[in-house]
Amino acid sequence: MPNSQLSKEEIAKRGGELYEKVIRVQVETAENIGKIISININTGDYEIDNDLLVAIL
């Protein structure tokens, strides 16, 4: 796993930065309210779904 050496705090920081700089403008829509987002901090790819397991797989 590429991020196994990163602390939880660093992973959260990187995910937050990606969300704010790139992803937010694309996903903050009425249809996504209440959904879960999973962000790959290495690629910037993300998934959104109502189901946590679907979003992270």
Protein backbone atom coordinates (compact mmCIF):
# COMPACT_ATOMS: atom_id res chain seq x y z
CA MET A 1 0.00 0.00 0.00
CA PRO A 2 1.58 3.31 -1.06
CA ASN A 3 0.27 5.30 1.91
CA SER A 4 1.07 2.82 4.66
CA GLN A 5 3.81 5.11 5.98
CA LEU A 6 1.53 8.16 6.24
CA SER A 7 -0.21 9.07 9.45
CA LYS A 8 -4.01 9.29 9.56
CA GLU A 9 -3.60 13.03 9.94
CA GLU A 10 -1.47 13.33 6.79
CA ILE A 11 -3.91 11.23 4.77
CA ALA A 12 -6.80 13.42 5.97
CA LYS A 13 -4.83 16.58 5.17
CA ARG A 14 -4.06 15.45 1.63
CA GLY A 15 -7.65 14.36 1.03
CA GLY A 16 -8.94 17.68 2.34
CA GLU A 17 -6.58 19.63 0.09
CA LEU A 18 -7.64 17.64 -2.97
CA TYR A 19 -11.28 18.16 -2.09
CA GLU A 20 -10.92 21.91 -1.64
CA LYS A 21 -8.67 22.56 -4.66
CA VAL A 22 -10.12 20.20 -7.28
CA ILE A 23 -13.11 18.09 -6.34
CA ARG A 24 -15.46 20.41 -4.44
CA VAL A 25 -16.67 22.43 -7.43
CA GLN A 26 -17.51 19.22 -9.28
CA VAL A 27 -19.41 17.39 -6.55
CA GLU A 28 -21.23 19.91 -4.37
CA THR A 29 -24.57 19.62 -6.10
CA ALA A 30 -28.11 19.12 -4.82
CA GLU A 31 -28.08 15.51 -5.98
CA ASN A 32 -25.01 14.70 -3.86
CA ILE A 33 -26.26 16.10 -0.54
CA GLY A 34 -25.87 13.43 2.14
CA LYS A 35 -23.73 11.11 0.02
CA ILE A 36 -20.30 9.77 0.93
CA ILE A 37 -17.15 10.60 -1.01
CA SER A 38 -14.02 8.46 -1.11
CA ILE A 39 -10.85 10.11 -2.45
CA ASN A 40 -7.71 8.36 -3.67
CA ILE A 41 -4.99 10.75 -2.45
CA ASN A 42 -2.45 9.35 -4.92
CA THR A 43 -4.47 9.78 -8.11
CA GLY A 44 -7.13 12.32 -7.18
CA ASP A 45 -9.82 9.89 -8.34
CA TYR A 46 -12.98 9.81 -6.25
CA GLU A 47 -16.26 7.95 -5.90
CA ILE A 48 -19.55 9.20 -4.51
CA ASP A 49 -22.38 6.98 -3.32
CA ASN A 50 -25.07 6.63 -0.67
CA ASP A 51 -23.45 3.38 0.46
CA LEU A 52 -20.06 3.57 2.23
CA LEU A 53 -18.95 0.17 0.90
CA VAL A 54 -19.75 1.13 -2.68
CA ALA A 55 -17.91 4.45 -2.36
CA ILE A 56 -14.71 2.88 -1.03
CA LEU A 57 -14.51 -0.12 -3.36
